[in-house]
Amino acid sequence: MARKVRTEEDDAELDMTPMLDVVFIMLIFFIVTTVFVKEAGVEVNKPDASQAFLHKNANIFIAITEDGDVWLDKRLVDSDSVLVNMERLLKEQPTDYVIIQADIKSKHGLVVEVMDQVKAAGIDRISVAARG
């Protein structure tokens, strides 16, 4: 009887396919479950409030600077085009909540105008951000 001589190379094979399948499935899971927040794109000096609290489910932010600039989705938009931009964002990522970050020195009328356009886009829950 002849004996078969085993070499180290025969024992060193390891199939990586199942591990790669698991890694790709986990990657897809994390991509699908990630919440994308639409930041305003500019920092504003928010007013102080003693009763301010943080909303966890907000993912669209609109910023209004003291100069009257309106920022939405990291872009400077015209105050009259907030409705159109909101409709575009809602098609990409539907939500029922928007936070307006108005500067302490911004005009009240502009804030109300932006709120009105957000309501016209179908969002009923609007908050004005404050420092707490």
C-alpha atoms as a PDB file:
ATOM      1  CA  MET A   1       0.000   0.000   0.000  1.00  0.00           C
ATOM      2  CA  ALA A   2       1.195   3.377  -0.906  1.00  0.00           C
ATOM      3  CA  ARG A   3       0.792   6.231   1.507  1.00  0.00           C
ATOM      4  CA  LYS A   4      -0.307   9.648   0.363  1.00  0.00           C
ATOM      5  CA  VAL A   5       1.957  12.398   1.580  1.00  0.00           C
ATOM      6  CA  ARG A   6       0.031  15.483   2.709  1.00  0.00           C
ATOM      7  CA  THR A   7       1.558  18.876   2.331  1.00  0.00           C
ATOM      8  CA  GLU A   8       0.823  22.019   4.332  1.00  0.00           C
ATOM      9  CA  GLU A   9      -0.707  23.705   1.277  1.00  0.00           C
ATOM     10  CA  ASP A  10      -3.628  21.254   1.216  1.00  0.00           C
ATOM     11  CA  ASP A  11      -4.677  22.157   4.777  1.00  0.00           C
ATOM     12  CA  ALA A  12      -4.346  25.927   4.396  1.00  0.00           C
ATOM     13  CA  GLU A  13      -7.369  26.504   2.133  1.00  0.00           C
ATOM     14  CA  LEU A  14     -10.100  28.679   3.620  1.00  0.00           C
ATOM     15  CA  ASP A  15     -13.250  29.665   1.748  1.00  0.00           C
ATOM     16  CA  MET A  16     -13.831  33.406   2.218  1.00  0.00           C
ATOM     17  CA  THR A  17     -17.140  33.554   0.303  1.00  0.00           C
ATOM     18  CA  PRO A  18     -19.515  33.143   3.294  1.00  0.00           C
ATOM     19  CA  MET A  19     -17.698  35.807   5.298  1.00  0.00           C
ATOM     20  CA  LEU A  20     -17.801  38.256   2.385  1.00  0.00           C
ATOM     21  CA  ASP A  21     -21.523  37.570   1.927  1.00  0.00           C
ATOM     22  CA  VAL A  22     -22.174  38.436   5.572  1.00  0.00           C
ATOM     23  CA  VAL A  23     -20.110  41.627   5.341  1.00  0.00           C
ATOM     24  CA  PHE A  24     -21.986  42.813   2.239  1.00  0.00           C
ATOM     25  CA  ILE A  25     -25.359  42.028   3.809  1.00  0.00           C
ATOM     26  CA  MET A  26     -24.404  44.046   6.896  1.00  0.00           C
ATOM     27  CA  LEU A  27     -23.253  46.932   4.694  1.00  0.00           C
ATOM     28  CA  ILE A  28     -26.560  46.944   2.824  1.00  0.00           C
ATOM     29  CA  PHE A  29     -28.455  46.836   6.130  1.00  0.00           C
ATOM     30  CA  PHE A  30     -26.611  49.875   7.497  1.00  0.00           C
ATOM     31  CA  ILE A  31     -27.061  51.848   4.282  1.00  0.00           C
ATOM     32  CA  VAL A  32     -30.799  51.150   4.159  1.00  0.00           C
ATOM     33  CA  THR A  33     -31.430  51.962   7.835  1.00  0.00           C
ATOM     34  CA  THR A  34     -29.384  55.164   7.939  1.00  0.00           C
ATOM     35  CA  VAL A  35     -31.364  58.360   8.409  1.00  0.00           C
ATOM     36  CA  PHE A  36     -30.100  61.192   6.287  1.00  0.00           C
ATOM     37  CA  VAL A  37     -30.444  64.614   7.895  1.00  0.00           C
ATOM     38  CA  LYS A  38     -30.852  67.601   5.600  1.00  0.00           C
ATOM     39  CA  GLU A  39     -28.790  70.231   7.386  1.00  0.00           C
ATOM     40  CA  ALA A  40     -29.365  73.895   6.721  1.00  0.00           C
ATOM     41  CA  GLY A  41     -25.734  74.592   5.851  1.00  0.00           C
ATOM     42  CA  VAL A  42     -25.012  77.670   7.970  1.00  0.00           C
ATOM     43  CA  GLU A  43     -24.677  78.369  11.685  1.00  0.00           C
ATOM     44  CA  VAL A  44     -26.982  80.980  13.202  1.00  0.00           C
ATOM     45  CA  ASN A  45     -27.079  82.679  16.591  1.00  0.00           C
ATOM     46  CA  LYS A  46     -30.222  81.120  18.066  1.00  0.00           C
ATOM     47  CA  PRO A  47     -32.154  82.848  20.837  1.00  0.00           C
ATOM     48  CA  ASP A  48     -32.066  81.480  24.387  1.00  0.00           C
ATOM     49  CA  ALA A  49     -35.068  79.655  25.817  1.00  0.00           C
ATOM     50  CA  SER A  50     -35.502  78.047  29.208  1.00  0.00           C
ATOM     51  CA  GLN A  51     -38.020  75.473  27.934  1.00  0.00           C
ATOM     52  CA  ALA A  52     -36.116  74.351  24.809  1.00  0.00           C
ATOM     53  CA  PHE A  53     -35.850  70.632  24.083  1.00  0.00           C
ATOM     54  CA  LEU A  54     -34.282  68.524  21.345  1.00  0.00           C
ATOM     55  CA  HIS A  55     -36.455  66.732  18.785  1.00  0.00           C
ATOM     56  CA  LYS A  56     -34.930  63.407  17.822  1.00  0.00           C
ATOM     57  CA  ASN A  57     -36.952  62.766  14.669  1.00  0.00           C
ATOM     58  CA  ALA A  58     -36.260  65.969  12.724  1.00  0.00           C
ATOM     59  CA  ASN A  59     -34.255  65.531   9.549  1.00  0.00           C
ATOM     60  CA  ILE A  60     -34.897  68.749   7.586  1.00  0.00           C
ATOM     61  CA  PHE A  61     -33.469  72.031   8.859  1.00  0.00           C
ATOM     62  CA  ILE A  62     -33.986  75.531   7.451  1.00  0.00           C
ATOM     63  CA  ALA A  63     -31.681  78.350   8.601  1.00  0.00           C
ATOM     64  CA  ILE A  64     -32.469  82.065   8.417  1.00  0.00           C
ATOM     65  CA  THR A  65     -29.536  84.418   8.975  1.00  0.00           C
ATOM     66  CA  GLU A  66     -29.641  87.937  10.383  1.00  0.00           C
ATOM     67  CA  ASP A  67     -29.152  89.280   6.831  1.00  0.00           C
ATOM     68  CA  GLY A  68     -32.332  87.537   5.640  1.00  0.00           C
ATOM     69  CA  ASP A  69     -30.619  84.688   3.789  1.00  0.00           C
ATOM     70  CA  VAL A  70     -32.504  81.393   3.787  1.00  0.00           C
ATOM     71  CA  TRP A  71     -30.423  78.199   3.772  1.00  0.00           C
ATOM     72  CA  LEU A  72     -31.924  74.796   2.992  1.00  0.00           C
ATOM     73  CA  ASP A  73     -30.048  71.566   2.287  1.00  0.00           C
ATOM     74  CA  LYS A  74     -26.681  73.395   2.467  1.00  0.00           C
ATOM     75  CA  ARG A  75     -27.743  75.788  -0.290  1.00  0.00           C
ATOM     76  CA  LEU A  76     -28.700  79.439  -0.246  1.00  0.00           C
ATOM     77  CA  VAL A  77     -32.261  79.656  -1.570  1.00  0.00           C
ATOM     78  CA  ASP A  78     -34.563  82.548  -2.306  1.00  0.00           C
ATOM     79  CA  SER A  79     -37.231  83.072   0.346  1.00  0.00           C
ATOM     80  CA  ASP A  80     -39.902  82.663  -2.327  1.00  0.00           C
ATOM     81  CA  SER A  81     -38.600  79.268  -3.458  1.00  0.00           C
ATOM     82  CA  VAL A  82     -38.760  77.481  -0.102  1.00  0.00           C
ATOM     83  CA  LEU A  83     -41.972  75.704  -1.125  1.00  0.00           C
ATOM     84  CA  VAL A  84     -40.448  74.255  -4.310  1.00  0.00           C
ATOM     85  CA  ASN A  85     -37.301  73.141  -2.491  1.00  0.00           C
ATOM     86  CA  MET A  86     -39.330  71.582   0.326  1.00  0.00           C
ATOM     87  CA  GLU A  87     -41.406  69.604  -2.160  1.00  0.00           C
ATOM     88  CA  ARG A  88     -38.197  68.307  -3.763  1.00  0.00           C
ATOM     89  CA  LEU A  89     -36.750  67.297  -0.388  1.00  0.00           C
ATOM     90  CA  LEU A  90     -39.975  65.607   0.667  1.00  0.00           C
ATOM     91  CA  LYS A  91     -39.908  63.469  -2.480  1.00  0.00           C
ATOM     92  CA  GLU A  92     -36.386  62.320  -1.589  1.00  0.00           C
ATOM     93  CA  GLN A  93     -37.075  61.755   2.092  1.00  0.00           C
ATOM     94  CA  PRO A  94     -40.629  62.082   3.408  1.00  0.00           C
ATOM     95  CA  THR A  95     -40.979  63.544   6.894  1.00  0.00           C
ATOM     96  CA  ASP A  96     -43.627  65.263   8.956  1.00  0.00           C
ATOM     97  CA  TYR A  97     -41.335  67.533  10.953  1.00  0.00           C
ATOM     98  CA  VAL A  98     -39.134  70.560  10.103  1.00  0.00           C
ATOM     99  CA  ILE A  99     -36.943  72.730  12.334  1.00  0.00           C
ATOM    100  CA  ILE A 100     -36.352  76.388  11.463  1.00  0.00           C
ATOM    101  CA  GLN A 101     -33.105  77.796  12.849  1.00  0.00           C
ATOM    102  CA  ALA A 102     -33.701  81.545  12.852  1.00  0.00           C
ATOM    103  CA  ASP A 103     -30.988  83.958  13.947  1.00  0.00           C
ATOM    104  CA  ILE A 104     -31.815  86.098  16.980  1.00  0.00           C
ATOM    105  CA  LYS A 105     -31.589  89.214  14.769  1.00  0.00           C
ATOM    106  CA  SER A 106     -33.587  87.873  11.808  1.00  0.00           C
ATOM    107  CA  LYS A 107     -36.857  89.507  10.791  1.00  0.00           C
ATOM    108  CA  HIS A 108     -40.007  87.978  12.252  1.00  0.00           C
ATOM    109  CA  GLY A 109     -41.887  88.475   8.990  1.00  0.00           C
ATOM    110  CA  LEU A 110     -39.364  86.378   7.058  1.00  0.00           C
ATOM    111  CA  VAL A 111     -39.610  83.564   9.609  1.00  0.00           C
ATOM    112  CA  VAL A 112     -43.408  83.562   9.294  1.00  0.00           C
ATOM    113  CA  GLU A 113     -43.147  83.601   5.489  1.00  0.00           C
ATOM    114  CA  VAL A 114     -40.848  80.567   5.539  1.00  0.00           C
ATOM    115  CA  MET A 115     -43.152  78.785   8.009  1.00  0.00           C
ATOM    116  CA  ASP A 116     -46.099  79.455   5.702  1.00  0.00           C
ATOM    117  CA  GLN A 117     -44.281  77.934   2.733  1.00  0.00           C
ATOM    118  CA  VAL A 118     -43.314  74.876   4.772  1.00  0.00           C
ATOM    119  CA  LYS A 119     -46.967  74.420   5.753  1.00  0.00           C
ATOM    120  CA  ALA A 120     -47.966  74.788   2.090  1.00  0.00           C
ATOM    121  CA  ALA A 121     -45.575  71.911   1.292  1.00  0.00           C
ATOM    122  CA  GLY A 122     -47.613  69.695   3.620  1.00  0.00           C
ATOM    123  CA  ILE A 123     -45.625  69.851   6.855  1.00  0.00           C
ATOM    124  CA  ASP A 124     -47.777  70.640   9.880  1.00  0.00           C
ATOM    125  CA  ARG A 125     -45.177  70.182  12.602  1.00  0.00           C
ATOM    126  CA  ILE A 126     -42.724  73.099  12.544  1.00  0.00           C
ATOM    127  CA  SER A 127     -40.401  74.155  15.384  1.00  0.00           C
ATOM    128  CA  VAL A 128     -38.167  77.164  15.785  1.00  0.00           C
ATOM    129  CA  ALA A 129     -34.799  76.197  17.224  1.00  0.00           C
ATOM    130  CA  ALA A 130     -33.487  77.814  20.401  1.00  0.00           C
ATOM    131  CA  ARG A 131     -30.510  77.406  22.686  1.00  0.00           C
ATOM    132  CA  GLY A 132     -31.481  75.791  25.933  1.00  0.00           C
END
